[in-house]
Amino acid sequence: MDADPAAEPWFDEEIFEALRETVSEEIFPRLLRLFLENTRTKLEEILVIDPRNDADNLAIALHALKGSALMVGARELEGTSEELRAAARRGDAPAIEEGIVHLREAVERVHERVRTELKRSPG
């Protein structure tokens, strides 16, 4: 799960700015708040799923989280979600454990970035 940060930045500001430019100034903060709420809920859902008994639902939840990450340019969260999904499908318990730790960290980093933006945005 270690990627070269220079080769793949954890957050793609260009995607984030493109999202801002495609919606109105009033809608952008709403989208960001919805992103925070949805990813928090999805993470909570992921944390209670037992991958040994419910790998399919874990994969579905991780796919949804990955989609949210793609929307705002959260590359690290996107990649971590995909790697964890692959580990769950393989039944790789050590990789799943490590992936969960990375997933929590990635969610926290992107949430911090989005909350910073919300403080600067009108509305």
Protein backbone atom coordinates (compact mmCIF):
# COMPACT_ATOMS: atom_id res chain seq x y z
CA MET A 1 0.00 0.00 0.00
CA ASP A 2 3.03 2.27 -0.06
CA ALA A 3 2.98 4.50 -3.10
CA ASP A 4 5.51 7.04 -4.20
CA PRO A 5 3.86 10.33 -3.11
CA ALA A 6 5.51 12.20 -5.97
CA ALA A 7 4.13 9.75 -8.52
CA GLU A 8 0.60 9.75 -7.11
CA PRO A 9 -0.30 12.64 -4.83
CA TRP A 10 -2.73 11.81 -2.06
CA PHE A 11 -5.13 14.54 -3.20
CA ASP A 12 -5.68 15.84 -6.72
CA GLU A 13 -6.34 19.56 -6.44
CA GLU A 14 -7.18 19.78 -10.17
CA ILE A 15 -10.11 17.38 -9.78
CA PHE A 16 -11.25 19.24 -6.67
CA GLU A 17 -11.13 22.57 -8.53
CA ALA A 18 -12.93 21.08 -11.53
CA LEU A 19 -15.74 19.99 -9.20
CA ARG A 20 -15.92 23.51 -7.77
CA GLU A 21 -16.15 24.97 -11.27
CA THR A 22 -18.94 22.66 -12.39
CA VAL A 23 -21.38 23.63 -9.63
CA SER A 24 -22.64 26.88 -8.21
CA GLU A 25 -21.03 28.63 -5.26
CA GLU A 26 -24.03 27.61 -3.12
CA ILE A 27 -23.99 23.96 -4.16
CA PHE A 28 -20.26 23.33 -3.69
CA PRO A 29 -20.31 23.51 0.15
CA ARG A 30 -23.41 21.32 0.19
CA LEU A 31 -21.61 18.72 -1.89
CA LEU A 32 -18.65 18.82 0.46
CA ARG A 33 -20.85 18.39 3.54
CA LEU A 34 -22.65 15.51 1.82
CA PHE A 35 -19.27 13.96 1.00
CA LEU A 36 -18.21 14.19 4.67
CA GLU A 37 -21.45 12.64 5.86
CA ASN A 38 -21.49 9.86 3.27
CA THR A 39 -17.87 8.85 3.70
CA ARG A 40 -18.18 8.88 7.48
CA THR A 41 -21.26 6.65 7.26
CA LYS A 42 -19.61 4.35 4.72
CA LEU A 43 -16.48 4.02 6.88
CA GLU A 44 -18.62 3.11 9.90
CA GLU A 45 -20.40 0.50 7.78
CA ILE A 46 -17.08 -0.92 6.55
CA LEU A 47 -15.68 -1.17 10.06
CA VAL A 48 -18.51 -3.43 11.27
CA ILE A 49 -18.46 -5.81 8.30
CA ASP A 50 -16.69 -9.09 8.95
CA PRO A 51 -14.71 -9.66 5.74
CA ARG A 52 -14.45 -13.41 6.38
CA ASN A 53 -18.24 -13.77 6.32
CA ASP A 54 -19.35 -10.86 4.18
CA ALA A 55 -16.70 -10.05 1.59
CA ASP A 56 -19.34 -9.14 -1.00
CA ASN A 57 -20.94 -6.41 1.12
CA LEU A 58 -17.50 -5.15 2.10
CA ALA A 59 -16.56 -4.92 -1.57
CA ILE A 60 -19.78 -3.01 -2.33
CA ALA A 61 -19.20 -0.54 0.52
CA LEU A 62 -15.58 -0.02 -0.52
CA HIS A 63 -16.62 0.53 -4.12
CA ALA A 64 -19.04 3.26 -2.98
CA LEU A 65 -16.30 4.87 -0.89
CA LYS A 66 -13.96 4.75 -3.87
CA GLY A 67 -16.57 6.50 -6.00
CA SER A 68 -16.89 9.30 -3.47
CA ALA A 69 -13.12 9.63 -3.35
CA LEU A 70 -12.92 9.91 -7.13
CA MET A 71 -15.47 12.73 -7.10
CA VAL A 72 -13.31 15.02 -4.95
CA GLY A 73 -9.86 13.89 -6.13
CA ALA A 74 -8.92 11.91 -3.01
CA ARG A 75 -6.42 9.61 -4.74
CA GLU A 76 -5.10 7.99 -1.58
CA LEU A 77 -8.61 7.12 -0.41
CA GLU A 78 -9.48 5.83 -3.86
CA GLY A 79 -6.41 3.59 -4.02
CA THR A 80 -6.71 2.35 -0.46
CA SER A 81 -10.37 1.47 -1.00
CA GLU A 82 -9.50 -0.52 -4.12
CA GLU A 83 -6.57 -2.33 -2.47
CA LEU A 84 -8.69 -3.23 0.54
CA ARG A 85 -11.48 -4.44 -1.72
CA ALA A 86 -9.01 -6.71 -3.54
CA ALA A 87 -7.65 -8.02 -0.22
CA ALA A 88 -11.18 -8.80 0.97
CA ARG A 89 -11.96 -10.69 -2.22
CA ARG A 90 -8.75 -12.71 -1.77
CA GLY A 91 -9.54 -13.33 1.91
CA ASP A 92 -6.13 -11.91 2.86
CA ALA A 93 -6.66 -11.19 6.58
CA PRO A 94 -3.29 -9.43 7.22
CA ALA A 95 -3.79 -7.17 4.20
CA ILE A 96 -7.33 -6.41 5.33
CA GLU A 97 -6.14 -5.42 8.81
CA GLU A 98 -3.44 -3.19 7.38
CA GLY A 99 -5.87 -1.82 4.81
CA ILE A 100 -8.39 -0.82 7.47
CA VAL A 101 -5.71 1.19 9.28
CA HIS A 102 -4.75 2.92 6.03
CA LEU A 103 -8.40 3.48 5.15
CA ARG A 104 -9.10 5.26 8.43
CA GLU A 105 -6.02 7.44 7.94
CA ALA A 106 -6.98 8.27 4.35
CA VAL A 107 -10.52 9.19 5.35
CA GLU A 108 -9.24 11.44 8.12
CA ARG A 109 -6.79 13.20 5.77
CA VAL A 110 -9.39 13.90 3.12
CA HIS A 111 -11.95 14.96 5.73
CA GLU A 112 -9.44 17.43 7.11
CA ARG A 113 -8.84 18.82 3.61
CA VAL A 114 -12.58 19.14 2.94
CA ARG A 115 -13.30 20.74 6.33
CA THR A 116 -10.56 23.29 5.61
CA GLU A 117 -12.25 24.11 2.33
CA LEU A 118 -15.63 24.44 4.01
CA LYS A 119 -14.21 27.01 6.43
CA ARG A 120 -13.12 29.12 3.43
CA SER A 121 -16.27 28.65 1.33
CA PRO A 122 -19.28 30.91 1.58
CA GLY A 123 -22.55 29.22 2.48
